[in-house]
C-alpha atoms as a PDB file:
ATOM      1  CA  UNK A   1     -28.971   1.464  27.718  1.00  0.00           C
ATOM      2  CA  UNK A   2     -26.365   0.160  25.313  1.00  0.00           C
ATOM      3  CA  UNK A   3     -28.056  -2.182  22.337  1.00  0.00           C
ATOM      4  CA  UNK A   4     -24.645  -2.088  20.544  1.00  0.00           C
ATOM      5  CA  UNK A   5     -21.375  -3.255  22.362  1.00  0.00           C
ATOM      6  CA  UNK A   6     -18.095  -2.349  21.754  1.00  0.00           C
ATOM      7  CA  UNK A   7     -16.964  -5.553  20.934  1.00  0.00           C
ATOM      8  CA  UNK A   8     -19.422  -5.971  18.449  1.00  0.00           C
ATOM      9  CA  UNK A   9     -18.154  -2.553  16.504  1.00  0.00           C
ATOM     10  CA  UNK A  10     -14.653  -4.221  16.461  1.00  0.00           C
ATOM     11  CA  UNK A  11     -16.060  -7.321  14.846  1.00  0.00           C
ATOM     12  CA  UNK A  12     -18.037  -5.383  12.392  1.00  0.00           C
ATOM     13  CA  UNK A  13     -16.007  -2.779  11.197  1.00  0.00           C
ATOM     14  CA  UNK A  14     -13.381  -4.572   9.245  1.00  0.00           C
ATOM     15  CA  UNK A  15     -16.455  -6.309   7.552  1.00  0.00           C
ATOM     16  CA  UNK A  16     -18.166  -3.155   6.493  1.00  0.00           C
ATOM     17  CA  UNK A  17     -15.381  -2.009   5.458  1.00  0.00           C
ATOM     18  CA  UNK A  18     -14.369  -4.887   3.219  1.00  0.00           C
ATOM     19  CA  UNK A  19     -17.939  -5.009   2.009  1.00  0.00           C
ATOM     20  CA  UNK A  20     -17.397  -1.198   1.125  1.00  0.00           C
ATOM     21  CA  UNK A  21     -14.396  -1.727  -0.828  1.00  0.00           C
ATOM     22  CA  UNK A  22     -15.945  -4.372  -2.606  1.00  0.00           C
ATOM     23  CA  UNK A  23     -18.805  -2.238  -3.617  1.00  0.00           C
ATOM     24  CA  UNK A  24     -16.382   0.306  -5.387  1.00  0.00           C
ATOM     25  CA  UNK A  25     -14.910   2.097  -2.512  1.00  0.00           C
ATOM     26  CA  UNK A  26     -11.365   1.938  -1.001  1.00  0.00           C
ATOM     27  CA  UNK A  27      -9.781   0.420   2.326  1.00  0.00           C
ATOM     28  CA  UNK A  28      -8.979   2.780   4.971  1.00  0.00           C
ATOM     29  CA  UNK A  29      -5.615   1.527   5.567  1.00  0.00           C
ATOM     30  CA  UNK A  30      -3.687   3.678   8.218  1.00  0.00           C
ATOM     31  CA  UNK A  31      -0.118   4.314   7.791  1.00  0.00           C
ATOM     32  CA  UNK A  32       2.553   5.423   9.901  1.00  0.00           C
ATOM     33  CA  UNK A  33       6.308   6.178   9.622  1.00  0.00           C
ATOM     34  CA  UNK A  34       8.269   5.768  13.147  1.00  0.00           C
ATOM     35  CA  UNK A  35      12.228   6.895  12.815  1.00  0.00           C
ATOM     36  CA  UNK A  36      14.223   4.829  15.254  1.00  0.00           C
ATOM     37  CA  UNK A  37      17.965   4.895  16.245  1.00  0.00           C
ATOM     38  CA  UNK A  38      18.623   2.080  13.315  1.00  0.00           C
ATOM     39  CA  UNK A  39      16.336   3.116  11.098  1.00  0.00           C
ATOM     40  CA  UNK A  40      12.542   3.836   9.581  1.00  0.00           C
ATOM     41  CA  UNK A  41       9.777   1.512  10.362  1.00  0.00           C
ATOM     42  CA  UNK A  42       6.554   1.774   8.234  1.00  0.00           C
ATOM     43  CA  UNK A  43       3.160   0.489   9.764  1.00  0.00           C
ATOM     44  CA  UNK A  44       0.598  -0.075   7.880  1.00  0.00           C
ATOM     45  CA  UNK A  45      -2.924  -1.112   9.677  1.00  0.00           C
ATOM     46  CA  UNK A  46      -5.560  -2.767   7.229  1.00  0.00           C
ATOM     47  CA  UNK A  47      -8.441  -3.829   8.753  1.00  0.00           C
ATOM     48  CA  UNK A  48      -9.788  -7.290   7.464  1.00  0.00           C
ATOM     49  CA  UNK A  49      -6.795  -7.618   5.295  1.00  0.00           C
ATOM     50  CA  UNK A  50      -5.197 -11.383   5.350  1.00  0.00           C
ATOM     51  CA  UNK A  51      -1.198 -11.193   5.183  1.00  0.00           C
ATOM     52  CA  UNK A  52      -1.566 -12.947   1.464  1.00  0.00           C
ATOM     53  CA  UNK A  53      -3.133  -9.902   0.061  1.00  0.00           C
ATOM     54  CA  UNK A  54      -0.366  -7.562   0.698  1.00  0.00           C
ATOM     55  CA  UNK A  55       2.664  -6.567  -1.443  1.00  0.00           C
ATOM     56  CA  UNK A  56       5.584  -4.740  -1.139  1.00  0.00           C
ATOM     57  CA  UNK A  57       7.220  -3.705  -4.074  1.00  0.00           C
ATOM     58  CA  UNK A  58      10.357  -1.305  -4.146  1.00  0.00           C
ATOM     59  CA  UNK A  59      11.328   0.193  -7.673  1.00  0.00           C
ATOM     60  CA  UNK A  60      14.137   2.184  -7.653  1.00  0.00           C
ATOM     61  CA  UNK A  61      13.531   4.497  -4.597  1.00  0.00           C
ATOM     62  CA  UNK A  62       9.993   4.382  -4.175  1.00  0.00           C
ATOM     63  CA  UNK A  63       8.398   1.770  -2.258  1.00  0.00           C
ATOM     64  CA  UNK A  64       4.875   0.924  -3.018  1.00  0.00           C
ATOM     65  CA  UNK A  65       2.718  -0.886  -0.181  1.00  0.00           C
ATOM     66  CA  UNK A  66      -1.000  -2.499  -1.840  1.00  0.00           C
ATOM     67  CA  UNK A  67      -3.558  -4.984  -1.142  1.00  0.00           C
ATOM     68  CA  UNK A  68      -5.626  -6.952  -3.326  1.00  0.00           C
ATOM     69  CA  UNK A  69      -8.702  -9.229  -2.822  1.00  0.00           C
ATOM     70  CA  UNK A  70      -9.238 -12.142  -4.601  1.00  0.00           C
ATOM     71  CA  UNK A  71     -12.275 -14.155  -4.280  1.00  0.00           C
ATOM     72  CA  UNK A  72     -10.124 -17.228  -4.039  1.00  0.00           C
ATOM     73  CA  UNK A  73      -6.324 -17.544  -4.033  1.00  0.00           C
ATOM     74  CA  UNK A  74      -6.282 -19.175  -7.643  1.00  0.00           C
ATOM     75  CA  UNK A  75      -8.404 -16.471  -9.176  1.00  0.00           C
ATOM     76  CA  UNK A  76      -6.503 -14.100 -11.459  1.00  0.00           C
ATOM     77  CA  UNK A  77      -9.105 -11.390 -11.123  1.00  0.00           C
ATOM     78  CA  UNK A  78      -8.256  -9.075  -8.350  1.00  0.00           C
ATOM     79  CA  UNK A  79      -9.390  -5.893  -6.897  1.00  0.00           C
ATOM     80  CA  UNK A  80      -7.739  -3.188  -5.122  1.00  0.00           C
ATOM     81  CA  UNK A  81      -8.147  -2.841  -1.679  1.00  0.00           C
ATOM     82  CA  UNK A  82      -5.480   0.226  -1.317  1.00  0.00           C
ATOM     83  CA  UNK A  83      -2.294   1.444  -2.607  1.00  0.00           C
ATOM     84  CA  UNK A  84       0.184   3.777  -1.214  1.00  0.00           C
ATOM     85  CA  UNK A  85       3.337   4.797  -2.790  1.00  0.00           C
ATOM     86  CA  UNK A  86       6.304   6.438  -0.811  1.00  0.00           C
ATOM     87  CA  UNK A  87       9.338   8.118  -2.342  1.00  0.00           C
ATOM     88  CA  UNK A  88      12.409   6.639  -0.392  1.00  0.00           C
ATOM     89  CA  UNK A  89      14.959   9.876   0.974  1.00  0.00           C
ATOM     90  CA  UNK A  90      18.433   9.777   0.554  1.00  0.00           C
ATOM     91  CA  UNK A  91      20.322   7.801   3.957  1.00  0.00           C
ATOM     92  CA  UNK A  92      18.298   4.743   3.780  1.00  0.00           C
ATOM     93  CA  UNK A  93      19.903   1.274   3.136  1.00  0.00           C
ATOM     94  CA  UNK A  94      17.024   0.186   0.326  1.00  0.00           C
ATOM     95  CA  UNK A  95      18.836  -3.269  -0.161  1.00  0.00           C
ATOM     96  CA  UNK A  96      17.992  -4.386   3.774  1.00  0.00           C
ATOM     97  CA  UNK A  97      14.585  -3.845   3.669  1.00  0.00           C
ATOM     98  CA  UNK A  98      12.416  -6.506   5.756  1.00  0.00           C
ATOM     99  CA  UNK A  99       8.628  -6.706   5.900  1.00  0.00           C
ATOM    100  CA  UNK A 100       6.640  -8.731   8.712  1.00  0.00           C
ATOM    101  CA  UNK A 101       3.446  -9.101   9.485  1.00  0.00           C
ATOM    102  CA  UNK A 102       2.623  -9.300  13.328  1.00  0.00           C
ATOM    103  CA  UNK A 103      -0.560  -9.115  15.105  1.00  0.00           C
ATOM    104  CA  UNK A 104      -2.701  -7.217  12.660  1.00  0.00           C
ATOM    105  CA  UNK A 105      -0.505  -4.833  11.461  1.00  0.00           C
ATOM    106  CA  UNK A 106       2.564  -4.770   8.456  1.00  0.00           C
ATOM    107  CA  UNK A 107       5.801  -3.485   9.469  1.00  0.00           C
ATOM    108  CA  UNK A 108       8.511  -2.412   6.851  1.00  0.00           C
ATOM    109  CA  UNK A 109      11.294  -1.976   7.944  1.00  0.00           C
ATOM    110  CA  UNK A 110      14.176  -0.064   6.758  1.00  0.00           C
ATOM    111  CA  UNK A 111      17.762   0.265   8.363  1.00  0.00           C
ATOM    112  CA  UNK A 112      19.728   3.697   7.549  1.00  0.00           C
ATOM    113  CA  UNK A 113      22.922   3.420   5.446  1.00  0.00           C
ATOM    114  CA  UNK A 114      25.865   3.206   7.075  1.00  0.00           C
ATOM    115  CA  UNK A 115      27.669   6.826   7.670  1.00  0.00           C
ATOM    116  CA  UNK A 116      30.872   6.163   7.806  1.00  0.00           C
ATOM    117  CA  UNK A 117      33.638   8.115   9.949  1.00  0.00           C
ATOM    118  CA  UNK A 118      34.844  10.847   7.565  1.00  0.00           C
ATOM    119  CA  UNK A 119      38.732   9.967   6.540  1.00  0.00           C
ATOM    120  CA  UNK A 120      41.448  11.248   4.962  1.00  0.00           C
ATOM    121  CA  UNK A 121      42.336  10.160   1.303  1.00  0.00           C
ATOM    122  CA  UNK A 122      46.114   9.347   0.737  1.00  0.00           C
ATOM    123  CA  UNK A 123      47.233  11.181  -2.813  1.00  0.00           C
ATOM    124  CA  UNK A 124      49.585   9.380  -4.710  1.00  0.00           C
ATOM    125  CA  UNK A 125      52.318  10.412  -6.832  1.00  0.00           C
ATOM    126  CA  UNK A 126      53.372   9.528 -10.354  1.00  0.00           C
END
């Protein structure tokens, strides 16, 4: 006999995670990096985090993804939910980073830098 359904667990788990975070814990965001043909996709699944509370910051070659909790949207005081900083390797085009929230995941897409074909350089004479 099942007293607690799977649907109930799916519904209550994100709320418990948020309450744990506000009580001093941290959110259990799941981060996965997928290498694709055209670039890299960083997938961040953070239960019960609104897309308005997610932030992606690029500082030179460091990419920081974080979320914060504000009781109301205009509040100046925010509680950090999670933060993750990644060192971007060479070969990625940081100028073309794109972030989109789809379903319940934040997708940060970073294309590879264009690999030009080797070419011979002409030598000029003076």
